[in-house]
C-alpha atoms as a PDB file:
ATOM      1  CA  MET A   1     -30.536  25.976   3.131  1.00  0.00           C
ATOM      2  CA  SER A   2     -29.884  26.482   6.865  1.00  0.00           C
ATOM      3  CA  ARG A   3     -26.089  26.353   6.616  1.00  0.00           C
ATOM      4  CA  ALA A   4     -25.579  27.890  10.055  1.00  0.00           C
ATOM      5  CA  ALA A   5     -27.867  25.278  11.636  1.00  0.00           C
ATOM      6  CA  VAL A   6     -26.072  22.434   9.827  1.00  0.00           C
ATOM      7  CA  ALA A   7     -22.684  23.724  11.003  1.00  0.00           C
ATOM      8  CA  GLU A   8     -23.920  24.099  14.567  1.00  0.00           C
ATOM      9  CA  ALA A   9     -25.438  20.619  14.541  1.00  0.00           C
ATOM     10  CA  ARG A  10     -22.048  19.264  13.477  1.00  0.00           C
ATOM     11  CA  GLU A  11     -20.348  21.110  16.344  1.00  0.00           C
ATOM     12  CA  ARG A  12     -22.835  19.726  18.837  1.00  0.00           C
ATOM     13  CA  PHE A  13     -22.274  16.245  17.432  1.00  0.00           C
ATOM     14  CA  GLU A  14     -18.521  16.563  17.998  1.00  0.00           C
ATOM     15  CA  ALA A  15     -19.113  17.622  21.617  1.00  0.00           C
ATOM     16  CA  VAL A  16     -21.339  14.592  22.265  1.00  0.00           C
ATOM     17  CA  ALA A  17     -19.178  12.141  20.301  1.00  0.00           C
ATOM     18  CA  VAL A  18     -16.193  12.562  22.630  1.00  0.00           C
ATOM     19  CA  THR A  19     -17.761  10.309  25.281  1.00  0.00           C
ATOM     20  CA  ALA A  20     -20.437   8.467  23.278  1.00  0.00           C
ATOM     21  CA  ASP A  21     -20.456   4.887  22.041  1.00  0.00           C
ATOM     22  CA  LEU A  22     -20.322   5.875  18.390  1.00  0.00           C
ATOM     23  CA  SER A  23     -21.823   2.728  16.898  1.00  0.00           C
ATOM     24  CA  VAL A  24     -24.777   2.970  19.306  1.00  0.00           C
ATOM     25  CA  LEU A  25     -25.148   6.684  18.573  1.00  0.00           C
ATOM     26  CA  ALA A  26     -25.217   6.001  14.822  1.00  0.00           C
ATOM     27  CA  GLU A  27     -27.914   3.329  15.201  1.00  0.00           C
ATOM     28  CA  ASP A  28     -29.986   5.543  17.506  1.00  0.00           C
ATOM     29  CA  LEU A  29     -29.846   8.475  15.091  1.00  0.00           C
ATOM     30  CA  LYS A  30     -30.907   6.239  12.213  1.00  0.00           C
ATOM     31  CA  ALA A  31     -33.796   4.857  14.282  1.00  0.00           C
ATOM     32  CA  VAL A  32     -35.036   8.367  15.091  1.00  0.00           C
ATOM     33  CA  LEU A  33     -34.658   9.378  11.442  1.00  0.00           C
ATOM     34  CA  HIS A  34     -36.855   6.446  10.400  1.00  0.00           C
ATOM     35  CA  LEU A  35     -39.405   7.434  13.053  1.00  0.00           C
ATOM     36  CA  LEU A  36     -39.574  11.034  11.816  1.00  0.00           C
ATOM     37  CA  ASP A  37     -39.798   9.879   8.198  1.00  0.00           C
ATOM     38  CA  ARG A  38     -42.815   7.733   9.115  1.00  0.00           C
ATOM     39  CA  GLU A  39     -44.637   9.943  11.618  1.00  0.00           C
ATOM     40  CA  HIS A  40     -45.702  13.150   9.901  1.00  0.00           C
ATOM     41  CA  GLY A  41     -47.374  14.577  12.996  1.00  0.00           C
ATOM     42  CA  LEU A  42     -44.258  14.129  15.084  1.00  0.00           C
ATOM     43  CA  ARG A  43     -42.106  15.620  12.330  1.00  0.00           C
ATOM     44  CA  ARG A  44     -44.344  18.692  12.250  1.00  0.00           C
ATOM     45  CA  ALA A  45     -44.182  19.008  16.038  1.00  0.00           C
ATOM     46  CA  VAL A  46     -40.370  19.022  16.237  1.00  0.00           C
ATOM     47  CA  THR A  47     -39.993  21.418  13.269  1.00  0.00           C
ATOM     48  CA  ASP A  48     -42.858  23.800  14.060  1.00  0.00           C
ATOM     49  CA  PRO A  49     -41.361  27.327  13.923  1.00  0.00           C
ATOM     50  CA  ALA A  50     -44.054  28.517  16.356  1.00  0.00           C
ATOM     51  CA  ARG A  51     -42.637  26.294  19.126  1.00  0.00           C
ATOM     52  CA  ASP A  52     -39.588  27.509  21.001  1.00  0.00           C
ATOM     53  CA  ALA A  53     -36.376  25.488  21.320  1.00  0.00           C
ATOM     54  CA  ASP A  54     -37.043  24.495  24.948  1.00  0.00           C
ATOM     55  CA  SER A  55     -40.469  23.130  24.085  1.00  0.00           C
ATOM     56  CA  LYS A  56     -39.045  21.024  21.246  1.00  0.00           C
ATOM     57  CA  ALA A  57     -36.242  19.743  23.477  1.00  0.00           C
ATOM     58  CA  ARG A  58     -38.758  18.681  26.144  1.00  0.00           C
ATOM     59  CA  LEU A  59     -40.802  16.862  23.522  1.00  0.00           C
ATOM     60  CA  VAL A  60     -37.731  14.975  22.297  1.00  0.00           C
ATOM     61  CA  ARG A  61     -36.757  13.989  25.830  1.00  0.00           C
ATOM     62  CA  THR A  62     -40.297  12.862  26.668  1.00  0.00           C
ATOM     63  CA  LEU A  63     -40.449  10.692  23.553  1.00  0.00           C
ATOM     64  CA  LEU A  64     -36.936   9.253  23.565  1.00  0.00           C
ATOM     65  CA  ASP A  65     -35.722   8.992  27.178  1.00  0.00           C
ATOM     66  CA  GLY A  66     -35.083   5.326  27.936  1.00  0.00           C
ATOM     67  CA  LYS A  67     -35.580   4.298  24.295  1.00  0.00           C
ATOM     68  CA  VAL A  68     -32.263   5.469  22.848  1.00  0.00           C
ATOM     69  CA  SER A  69     -28.900   6.364  24.407  1.00  0.00           C
ATOM     70  CA  GLU A  70     -28.524   9.489  26.511  1.00  0.00           C
ATOM     71  CA  ALA A  71     -25.980  10.773  23.983  1.00  0.00           C
ATOM     72  CA  ALA A  72     -28.585  10.543  21.214  1.00  0.00           C
ATOM     73  CA  VAL A  73     -31.280  12.194  23.352  1.00  0.00           C
ATOM     74  CA  ARG A  74     -28.942  15.038  24.291  1.00  0.00           C
ATOM     75  CA  LEU A  75     -27.824  15.616  20.714  1.00  0.00           C
ATOM     76  CA  LEU A  76     -31.318  15.489  19.217  1.00  0.00           C
ATOM     77  CA  ALA A  77     -32.773  17.737  21.927  1.00  0.00           C
ATOM     78  CA  GLU A  78     -30.199  20.359  20.962  1.00  0.00           C
ATOM     79  CA  VAL A  79     -30.476  19.888  17.195  1.00  0.00           C
ATOM     80  CA  VAL A  80     -34.283  20.206  16.968  1.00  0.00           C
ATOM     81  CA  GLY A  81     -34.023  23.636  18.611  1.00  0.00           C
ATOM     82  CA  LEU A  82     -31.869  25.087  15.824  1.00  0.00           C
ATOM     83  CA  ARG A  83     -33.384  27.281  13.120  1.00  0.00           C
ATOM     84  CA  TRP A  84     -34.364  25.092  10.148  1.00  0.00           C
ATOM     85  CA  SER A  85     -35.836  26.517   6.960  1.00  0.00           C
ATOM     86  CA  ARG A  86     -37.723  23.301   6.139  1.00  0.00           C
ATOM     87  CA  PRO A  87     -38.521  20.066   8.006  1.00  0.00           C
ATOM     88  CA  SER A  88     -36.571  18.090   5.395  1.00  0.00           C
ATOM     89  CA  GLU A  89     -33.387  19.930   6.367  1.00  0.00           C
ATOM     90  CA  LEU A  90     -33.613  18.672   9.935  1.00  0.00           C
ATOM     91  CA  LEU A  91     -34.129  15.094   8.748  1.00  0.00           C
ATOM     92  CA  ASP A  92     -31.280  15.319   6.229  1.00  0.00           C
ATOM     93  CA  THR A  93     -29.014  16.652   8.980  1.00  0.00           C
ATOM     94  CA  ILE A  94     -29.911  13.807  11.346  1.00  0.00           C
ATOM     95  CA  GLU A  95     -28.968  11.389   8.569  1.00  0.00           C
ATOM     96  CA  LYS A  96     -25.646  13.198   8.052  1.00  0.00           C
ATOM     97  CA  LEU A  97     -24.926  12.996  11.783  1.00  0.00           C
ATOM     98  CA  ALA A  98     -25.617   9.249  11.743  1.00  0.00           C
ATOM     99  CA  VAL A  99     -23.158   8.784   8.867  1.00  0.00           C
ATOM    100  CA  ASN A 100     -20.686  10.993  10.692  1.00  0.00           C
ATOM    101  CA  ALA A 101     -20.981   8.770  13.767  1.00  0.00           C
ATOM    102  CA  GLU A 102     -20.146   5.726  11.631  1.00  0.00           C
ATOM    103  CA  ALA A 103     -17.205   7.592  10.074  1.00  0.00           C
ATOM    104  CA  ALA A 104     -15.936   8.605  13.522  1.00  0.00           C
ATOM    105  CA  GLN A 105     -16.223   4.981  14.649  1.00  0.00           C
ATOM    106  CA  ALA A 106     -14.198   3.845  11.627  1.00  0.00           C
ATOM    107  CA  GLU A 107     -11.675   6.611  12.262  1.00  0.00           C
ATOM    108  CA  ALA A 108     -11.213   5.494  15.870  1.00  0.00           C
ATOM    109  CA  ALA A 109     -10.604   1.943  14.608  1.00  0.00           C
ATOM    110  CA  GLY A 110      -8.090   3.131  12.007  1.00  0.00           C
ATOM    111  CA  GLN A 111     -10.450   2.109   9.184  1.00  0.00           C
ATOM    112  CA  LEU A 112     -11.515   5.421   7.650  1.00  0.00           C
ATOM    113  CA  ASP A 113      -9.621   4.891   4.377  1.00  0.00           C
ATOM    114  CA  GLU A 114     -11.044   1.383   4.087  1.00  0.00           C
ATOM    115  CA  LEU A 115     -14.564   2.694   4.672  1.00  0.00           C
ATOM    116  CA  GLU A 116     -14.245   5.253   1.875  1.00  0.00           C
ATOM    117  CA  ASP A 117     -12.884   2.660  -0.536  1.00  0.00           C
ATOM    118  CA  GLU A 118     -15.528   0.082   0.373  1.00  0.00           C
ATOM    119  CA  LEU A 119     -18.412   2.470  -0.279  1.00  0.00           C
ATOM    120  CA  PHE A 120     -16.911   3.410  -3.631  1.00  0.00           C
ATOM    121  CA  ARG A 121     -16.208  -0.189  -4.657  1.00  0.00           C
ATOM    122  CA  PHE A 122     -19.740  -1.295  -3.782  1.00  0.00           C
ATOM    123  CA  SER A 123     -21.184   1.508  -5.914  1.00  0.00           C
ATOM    124  CA  ARG A 124     -19.135   0.188  -8.839  1.00  0.00           C
ATOM    125  CA  ILE A 125     -20.336  -3.374  -8.206  1.00  0.00           C
ATOM    126  CA  ILE A 126     -23.920  -2.091  -8.337  1.00  0.00           C
ATOM    127  CA  GLU A 127     -23.253  -0.357 -11.663  1.00  0.00           C
ATOM    128  CA  ALA A 128     -21.632  -3.474 -13.136  1.00  0.00           C
ATOM    129  CA  GLU A 129     -24.336  -5.927 -11.956  1.00  0.00           C
ATOM    130  CA  PRO A 130     -27.782  -4.801 -13.208  1.00  0.00           C
ATOM    131  CA  GLN A 131     -29.591  -7.820 -11.739  1.00  0.00           C
ATOM    132  CA  LEU A 132     -28.138  -7.217  -8.284  1.00  0.00           C
ATOM    133  CA  ARG A 133     -28.954  -3.530  -8.515  1.00  0.00           C
ATOM    134  CA  ALA A 134     -32.537  -4.308  -9.560  1.00  0.00           C
ATOM    135  CA  ALA A 135     -32.971  -6.699  -6.619  1.00  0.00           C
ATOM    136  CA  LEU A 136     -31.598  -4.244  -4.053  1.00  0.00           C
ATOM    137  CA  ALA A 137     -33.646  -1.359  -5.456  1.00  0.00           C
ATOM    138  CA  SER A 138     -36.858  -3.360  -5.801  1.00  0.00           C
ATOM    139  CA  HIS A 139     -39.884  -2.064  -3.900  1.00  0.00           C
ATOM    140  CA  GLN A 140     -41.252  -5.619  -3.829  1.00  0.00           C
ATOM    141  CA  LEU A 141     -38.302  -7.077  -1.896  1.00  0.00           C
ATOM    142  CA  PRO A 142     -38.978  -6.715   1.872  1.00  0.00           C
ATOM    143  CA  ARG A 143     -36.577  -4.704   4.009  1.00  0.00           C
ATOM    144  CA  GLN A 144     -35.476  -7.763   5.982  1.00  0.00           C
ATOM    145  CA  ARG A 145     -34.711  -9.681   2.787  1.00  0.00           C
ATOM    146  CA  LYS A 146     -32.578  -6.800   1.515  1.00  0.00           C
ATOM    147  CA  THR A 147     -30.693  -6.724   4.807  1.00  0.00           C
ATOM    148  CA  GLU A 148     -30.034 -10.460   4.518  1.00  0.00           C
ATOM    149  CA  LEU A 149     -28.897 -10.085   0.911  1.00  0.00           C
ATOM    150  CA  VAL A 150     -26.425  -7.312   1.749  1.00  0.00           C
ATOM    151  CA  GLY A 151     -25.171  -9.377   4.687  1.00  0.00           C
ATOM    152  CA  ALA A 152     -24.648 -12.428   2.491  1.00  0.00           C
ATOM    153  CA  LEU A 153     -22.687 -10.333   0.011  1.00  0.00           C
ATOM    154  CA  LEU A 154     -20.539  -8.319   2.406  1.00  0.00           C
ATOM    155  CA  GLU A 155     -20.429  -9.716   5.939  1.00  0.00           C
ATOM    156  CA  ASN A 156     -16.806 -10.321   7.039  1.00  0.00           C
ATOM    157  CA  LYS A 157     -15.640  -8.826   3.733  1.00  0.00           C
ATOM    158  CA  VAL A 158     -15.924  -5.129   4.610  1.00  0.00           C
ATOM    159  CA  THR A 159     -15.584  -3.055   7.766  1.00  0.00           C
ATOM    160  CA  PRO A 160     -18.561  -3.112  10.171  1.00  0.00           C
ATOM    161  CA  SER A 161     -19.246   0.570   9.436  1.00  0.00           C
ATOM    162  CA  ALA A 162     -19.347  -0.078   5.683  1.00  0.00           C
ATOM    163  CA  LEU A 163     -21.777  -2.966   6.160  1.00  0.00           C
ATOM    164  CA  ARG A 164     -24.085  -0.804   8.275  1.00  0.00           C
ATOM    165  CA  LEU A 165     -23.967   2.192   5.912  1.00  0.00           C
ATOM    166  CA  ILE A 166     -24.504   0.117   2.769  1.00  0.00           C
ATOM    167  CA  THR A 167     -27.404  -1.690   4.442  1.00  0.00           C
ATOM    168  CA  GLU A 168     -28.906   1.690   5.365  1.00  0.00           C
ATOM    169  CA  VAL A 169     -28.671   3.008   1.792  1.00  0.00           C
ATOM    170  CA  VAL A 170     -30.233  -0.179   0.420  1.00  0.00           C
ATOM    171  CA  THR A 171     -33.069  -0.499   2.934  1.00  0.00           C
ATOM    172  CA  ASP A 172     -33.888   3.202   3.351  1.00  0.00           C
ATOM    173  CA  PRO A 173     -32.779   5.129   0.232  1.00  0.00           C
ATOM    174  CA  ARG A 174     -34.924   8.163   1.137  1.00  0.00           C
ATOM    175  CA  GLY A 175     -35.865   8.857  -2.486  1.00  0.00           C
ATOM    176  CA  ARG A 176     -32.353   8.468  -3.903  1.00  0.00           C
ATOM    177  CA  SER A 177     -30.905   5.912  -6.284  1.00  0.00           C
ATOM    178  CA  LEU A 178     -28.441   3.469  -4.749  1.00  0.00           C
ATOM    179  CA  GLU A 179     -25.611   5.161  -6.616  1.00  0.00           C
ATOM    180  CA  ARG A 180     -26.548   8.610  -5.336  1.00  0.00           C
ATOM    181  CA  GLY A 181     -26.960   7.376  -1.788  1.00  0.00           C
ATOM    182  CA  LEU A 182     -23.581   5.640  -1.781  1.00  0.00           C
ATOM    183  CA  ALA A 183     -21.883   8.675  -3.344  1.00  0.00           C
ATOM    184  CA  GLU A 184     -23.417  10.936  -0.697  1.00  0.00           C
ATOM    185  CA  TYR A 185     -22.277   8.676   2.135  1.00  0.00           C
ATOM    186  CA  ASP A 186     -18.787   8.439   0.620  1.00  0.00           C
ATOM    187  CA  ARG A 187     -18.624  12.240   0.438  1.00  0.00           C
ATOM    188  CA  LEU A 188     -19.686  12.566   4.078  1.00  0.00           C
ATOM    189  CA  VAL A 189     -17.067  10.043   5.159  1.00  0.00           C
ATOM    190  CA  ALA A 190     -14.409  11.998   3.258  1.00  0.00           C
ATOM    191  CA  GLU A 191     -15.492  15.166   5.056  1.00  0.00           C
ATOM    192  CA  ARG A 192     -14.526  13.524   8.328  1.00  0.00           C
ATOM    193  CA  ARG A 193     -10.967  14.569   7.604  1.00  0.00           C
ATOM    194  CA  SER A 194     -11.909  17.590   5.474  1.00  0.00           C
ATOM    195  CA  ARG A 195     -10.779  16.160   2.183  1.00  0.00           C
ATOM    196  CA  PHE A 196     -12.242  15.990  -1.297  1.00  0.00           C
ATOM    197  CA  ILE A 197     -12.975  12.887  -3.343  1.00  0.00           C
ATOM    198  CA  ALA A 198     -11.674  12.773  -6.916  1.00  0.00           C
ATOM    199  CA  LEU A 199     -13.132  10.191  -9.282  1.00  0.00           C
ATOM    200  CA  VAL A 200     -10.284   9.281 -11.640  1.00  0.00           C
ATOM    201  CA  ARG A 201     -11.075   7.331 -14.808  1.00  0.00           C
ATOM    202  CA  THR A 202      -8.150   5.711 -16.577  1.00  0.00           C
ATOM    203  CA  ALA A 203      -7.725   2.942 -19.141  1.00  0.00           C
ATOM    204  CA  VAL A 204      -4.749   1.424 -17.286  1.00  0.00           C
ATOM    205  CA  ALA A 205      -4.072   0.942 -13.584  1.00  0.00           C
ATOM    206  CA  LEU A 206      -1.988   3.617 -11.891  1.00  0.00           C
ATOM    207  CA  SER A 207       1.074   2.698  -9.870  1.00  0.00           C
ATOM    208  CA  GLU A 208       1.256   3.662  -6.201  1.00  0.00           C
ATOM    209  CA  GLU A 209       3.780   6.368  -7.107  1.00  0.00           C
ATOM    210  CA  GLN A 210       1.471   7.785  -9.781  1.00  0.00           C
ATOM    211  CA  ARG A 211      -1.468   7.817  -7.347  1.00  0.00           C
ATOM    212  CA  THR A 212       0.619   9.628  -4.741  1.00  0.00           C
ATOM    213  CA  ARG A 213       1.830  12.248  -7.229  1.00  0.00           C
ATOM    214  CA  LEU A 214      -1.673  12.818  -8.594  1.00  0.00           C
ATOM    215  CA  ALA A 215      -3.192  13.141  -5.103  1.00  0.00           C
ATOM    216  CA  SER A 216      -0.453  15.597  -4.100  1.00  0.00           C
ATOM    217  CA  ALA A 217      -0.964  17.707  -7.223  1.00  0.00           C
ATOM    218  CA  LEU A 218      -4.730  17.865  -6.747  1.00  0.00           C
ATOM    219  CA  SER A 219      -4.372  18.631  -3.035  1.00  0.00           C
ATOM    220  CA  ALA A 220      -2.059  21.539  -3.849  1.00  0.00           C
ATOM    221  CA  ALA A 221      -4.432  22.832  -6.532  1.00  0.00           C
ATOM    222  CA  TYR A 222      -7.590  22.676  -4.378  1.00  0.00           C
ATOM    223  CA  GLY A 223      -6.136  23.489  -0.963  1.00  0.00           C
ATOM    224  CA  HIS A 224      -7.550  20.308   0.584  1.00  0.00           C
ATOM    225  CA  ASP A 225      -6.463  16.713   0.984  1.00  0.00           C
ATOM    226  CA  VAL A 226      -7.822  14.752  -1.966  1.00  0.00           C
ATOM    227  CA  HIS A 227      -8.759  11.069  -1.826  1.00  0.00           C
ATOM    228  CA  LEU A 228      -8.616   9.231  -5.161  1.00  0.00           C
ATOM    229  CA  ASN A 229     -11.283   6.784  -6.269  1.00  0.00           C
ATOM    230  CA  ILE A 230      -9.787   5.030  -9.296  1.00  0.00           C
ATOM    231  CA  GLU A 231     -12.068   3.561 -11.956  1.00  0.00           C
ATOM    232  CA  LEU A 232     -10.640   1.508 -14.818  1.00  0.00           C
ATOM    233  CA  ASP A 233     -12.526   2.537 -17.946  1.00  0.00           C
ATOM    234  CA  PRO A 234     -11.508   1.070 -21.334  1.00  0.00           C
ATOM    235  CA  SER A 235     -13.320   3.915 -23.127  1.00  0.00           C
ATOM    236  CA  VAL A 236     -10.683   6.339 -21.812  1.00  0.00           C
ATOM    237  CA  VAL A 237      -8.120   6.414 -24.627  1.00  0.00           C
ATOM    238  CA  GLY A 238      -4.936   7.661 -22.979  1.00  0.00           C
ATOM    239  CA  GLY A 239      -4.616  10.196 -20.189  1.00  0.00           C
ATOM    240  CA  LEU A 240      -6.968  10.681 -17.270  1.00  0.00           C
ATOM    241  CA  SER A 241     -10.449  11.998 -16.627  1.00  0.00           C
ATOM    242  CA  ILE A 242     -10.784  13.519 -13.147  1.00  0.00           C
ATOM    243  CA  GLN A 243     -14.011  14.653 -11.510  1.00  0.00           C
ATOM    244  CA  LEU A 244     -14.161  16.633  -8.256  1.00  0.00           C
ATOM    245  CA  GLY A 245     -17.738  17.531  -7.417  1.00  0.00           C
ATOM    246  CA  ASP A 246     -19.182  19.271 -10.476  1.00  0.00           C
ATOM    247  CA  GLU A 247     -15.792  20.004 -12.035  1.00  0.00           C
ATOM    248  CA  ILE A 248     -14.345  17.675 -14.675  1.00  0.00           C
ATOM    249  CA  ILE A 249     -10.720  17.785 -15.779  1.00  0.00           C
ATOM    250  CA  ASP A 250     -10.537  15.811 -18.999  1.00  0.00           C
ATOM    251  CA  GLY A 251      -7.022  15.024 -20.193  1.00  0.00           C
ATOM    252  CA  THR A 252      -7.975  11.985 -22.253  1.00  0.00           C
ATOM    253  CA  ILE A 253      -7.548  11.477 -25.981  1.00  0.00           C
ATOM    254  CA  ALA A 254     -11.217  10.484 -26.083  1.00  0.00           C
ATOM    255  CA  GLY A 255     -12.147  13.767 -24.403  1.00  0.00           C
ATOM    256  CA  ARG A 256     -10.103  15.770 -26.877  1.00  0.00           C
ATOM    257  CA  LEU A 257     -11.661  13.896 -29.808  1.00  0.00           C
ATOM    258  CA  ASP A 258     -15.124  14.679 -28.444  1.00  0.00           C
ATOM    259  CA  ASP A 259     -14.131  18.349 -28.213  1.00  0.00           C
ATOM    260  CA  VAL A 260     -12.982  18.313 -31.851  1.00  0.00           C
ATOM    261  CA  ARG A 261     -16.260  16.717 -32.914  1.00  0.00           C
ATOM    262  CA  ARG A 262     -18.258  19.369 -31.040  1.00  0.00           C
ATOM    263  CA  ARG A 263     -16.244  22.148 -32.697  1.00  0.00           C
ATOM    264  CA  LEU A 264     -16.773  20.653 -36.163  1.00  0.00           C
ATOM    265  CA  ALA A 265     -20.501  20.289 -35.552  1.00  0.00           C
ATOM    266  CA  SER A 266     -20.949  23.874 -34.357  1.00  0.00           C
END
């Protein structure tokens, strides 16, 4: 993976975002992402390692000037010139920058926490409602109909950034399940303030004091701010199950019983 290119693209985004209309920038980046996903020849042209950075930048400006904002043109002209190992990495990075623009917009409006929570809650609604999930994931349902369905469900009930990001995941999943797409967007939003997301499963609701103590303890242990996504799970018999990335901390009675069973079976 081209980690250096991803990091540099993020830096260039921050430089552009200072004066950009962030909601417009997010929409422009998504529109260009859709274009590159569709047009294989264009994708090859802007990722061709035989072309130098200046040539790629000129191509981007020729194609996009007057069609998207100057902030988007400037950012994309710089990003295509970075060293990418594979074309997919450039496209994935453009998507990340679009999500970052939405997160920055929510941050400026004082809605970043709400945005994180709304993405998480919608992922849980999808898991709990198989018929809704099937409809939103259906290849037979047209894009416009999916957009209308998401709007009917969420308009005026979530932040504007959440509505746009959820609509994007539903209408253009880019090969991911809805759950994976929402989890990825939630992780990117959390990165806006360099903090981790912990999925906490518990059989009973935690008080505000308990949430604060748990978040503080995890933040101290991992050296980063930690945002808690709380999931009530009746199968958790006492204690907590906490997942950060690939790491699971299982302090539940159910988890300990499973461990005993595994030991007895081995």
